[in-house]
Amino acid sequence: MRIAPEGWPFVLIGLAVTVLLALSAGFGGASFNPTSRSLLGWMAVLTGLLTVFPLYFFRTPTPRTPEGEGLVLAPGEGRVIHIVEMDEPVFLKGP
């Protein structure tokens, strides 16, 4: 799964906040005391879960296009890079 470049700042900021909260709560160290630092621990878990949303939102899945004759496919993603006025004789019968 690829992530769109526009989403990386959101992912990295969320990850940095999660790591800072986890280190402040004492996760990963021998001095972790769940009773005195439980608020920071829960905040780290919550921000970690919230960091997953930008990963889902900014993903760029590989499109699966159906193959076969007589199919009309609409471009659902991408960028418009060229606009040309043309005559279409079958459906529009004009410019």
Protein backbone atom coordinates (compact mmCIF):
# COMPACT_ATOMS: atom_id res chain seq x y z
CA MET A 1 0.00 0.00 0.00
CA ARG A 2 1.35 3.38 -0.99
CA ILE A 3 0.62 6.66 0.77
CA ALA A 4 -0.01 9.87 -1.17
CA PRO A 5 2.76 12.44 -0.62
CA GLU A 6 0.24 14.93 0.77
CA GLY A 7 -0.53 12.58 3.66
CA TRP A 8 2.99 12.09 5.02
CA PRO A 9 3.00 15.27 7.18
CA PHE A 10 -0.15 14.10 8.96
CA VAL A 11 1.23 10.61 9.51
CA LEU A 12 4.62 11.83 10.73
CA ILE A 13 3.17 14.44 13.10
CA GLY A 14 0.78 11.87 14.58
CA LEU A 15 3.60 9.37 14.95
CA ALA A 16 5.86 11.93 16.63
CA VAL A 17 3.15 12.92 19.12
CA THR A 18 2.42 9.27 19.85
CA VAL A 19 6.09 8.47 20.48
CA LEU A 20 6.54 11.52 22.72
CA LEU A 21 3.48 10.65 24.78
CA ALA A 22 4.54 7.01 25.02
CA LEU A 23 8.02 8.00 26.20
CA SER A 24 6.53 10.46 28.69
CA ALA A 25 4.25 7.74 30.04
CA GLY A 26 7.23 5.45 30.48
CA PHE A 27 6.32 2.81 27.90
CA GLY A 28 9.29 0.70 27.01
CA GLY A 29 11.16 1.42 30.24
CA ALA A 30 11.51 -0.33 33.55
CA SER A 31 10.10 2.66 35.43
CA PHE A 32 6.57 2.38 34.02
CA ASN A 33 4.02 2.71 36.79
CA PRO A 34 0.49 2.25 35.43
CA THR A 35 -1.19 4.00 38.35
CA SER A 36 0.72 7.29 38.29
CA ARG A 37 1.01 7.79 34.52
CA SER A 38 -2.15 6.22 33.20
CA LEU A 39 -3.45 9.45 31.65
CA LEU A 40 -0.35 9.86 29.46
CA GLY A 41 -0.51 6.19 28.56
CA TRP A 42 -4.13 6.44 27.44
CA MET A 43 -3.34 9.61 25.51
CA ALA A 44 -0.51 7.77 23.72
CA VAL A 45 -2.84 4.92 22.82
CA LEU A 46 -5.50 7.35 21.60
CA THR A 47 -3.10 9.35 19.42
CA GLY A 48 -1.67 6.11 18.07
CA LEU A 49 -5.14 5.02 17.00
CA LEU A 50 -5.82 8.46 15.49
CA THR A 51 -2.59 8.22 13.51
CA VAL A 52 -3.99 5.20 11.70
CA PHE A 53 -6.76 7.32 10.09
CA PRO A 54 -4.42 9.36 7.82
CA LEU A 55 -2.83 6.10 6.69
CA TYR A 56 -6.25 4.91 5.58
CA PHE A 57 -7.39 8.26 4.15
CA PHE A 58 -4.27 9.02 2.08
CA ARG A 59 -3.67 5.52 0.72
CA THR A 60 -3.34 5.17 -3.03
CA PRO A 61 -4.71 1.77 -3.98
CA THR A 62 -3.87 0.20 -7.31
CA PRO A 63 -6.94 0.52 -9.53
CA ARG A 64 -8.47 -2.64 -10.91
CA THR A 65 -10.00 -1.95 -14.28
CA PRO A 66 -12.32 -4.47 -15.87
CA GLU A 67 -11.28 -5.86 -19.21
CA GLY A 68 -13.56 -6.69 -22.07
CA GLU A 69 -15.21 -5.36 -25.16
CA GLY A 70 -18.02 -2.82 -25.07
CA LEU A 71 -17.03 -1.31 -21.72
CA VAL A 72 -16.99 2.42 -21.06
CA LEU A 73 -14.63 3.42 -18.27
CA ALA A 74 -14.67 6.82 -16.63
CA PRO A 75 -11.41 8.24 -15.29
CA GLY A 76 -11.92 8.19 -11.55
CA GLU A 77 -8.47 9.32 -10.54
CA GLY A 78 -5.56 11.24 -11.94
CA ARG A 79 -5.01 14.74 -13.20
CA VAL A 80 -6.27 16.61 -16.24
CA ILE A 81 -3.16 17.49 -18.21
CA HIS A 82 -4.54 18.23 -21.65
CA ILE A 83 -7.86 19.62 -22.90
CA VAL A 84 -8.65 19.49 -26.60
CA GLU A 85 -11.87 20.33 -28.42
CA MET A 86 -12.83 17.47 -30.74
CA ASP A 87 -15.73 16.30 -32.85
CA GLU A 88 -17.44 13.15 -31.54
CA PRO A 89 -19.49 11.57 -34.35
CA VAL A 90 -21.12 8.61 -32.55
CA PHE A 91 -22.78 9.81 -29.33
CA LEU A 92 -22.65 13.61 -29.26
CA LYS A 93 -22.60 14.05 -33.05
CA GLY A 94 -20.80 17.35 -32.70
CA PRO A 95 -18.04 19.21 -30.92
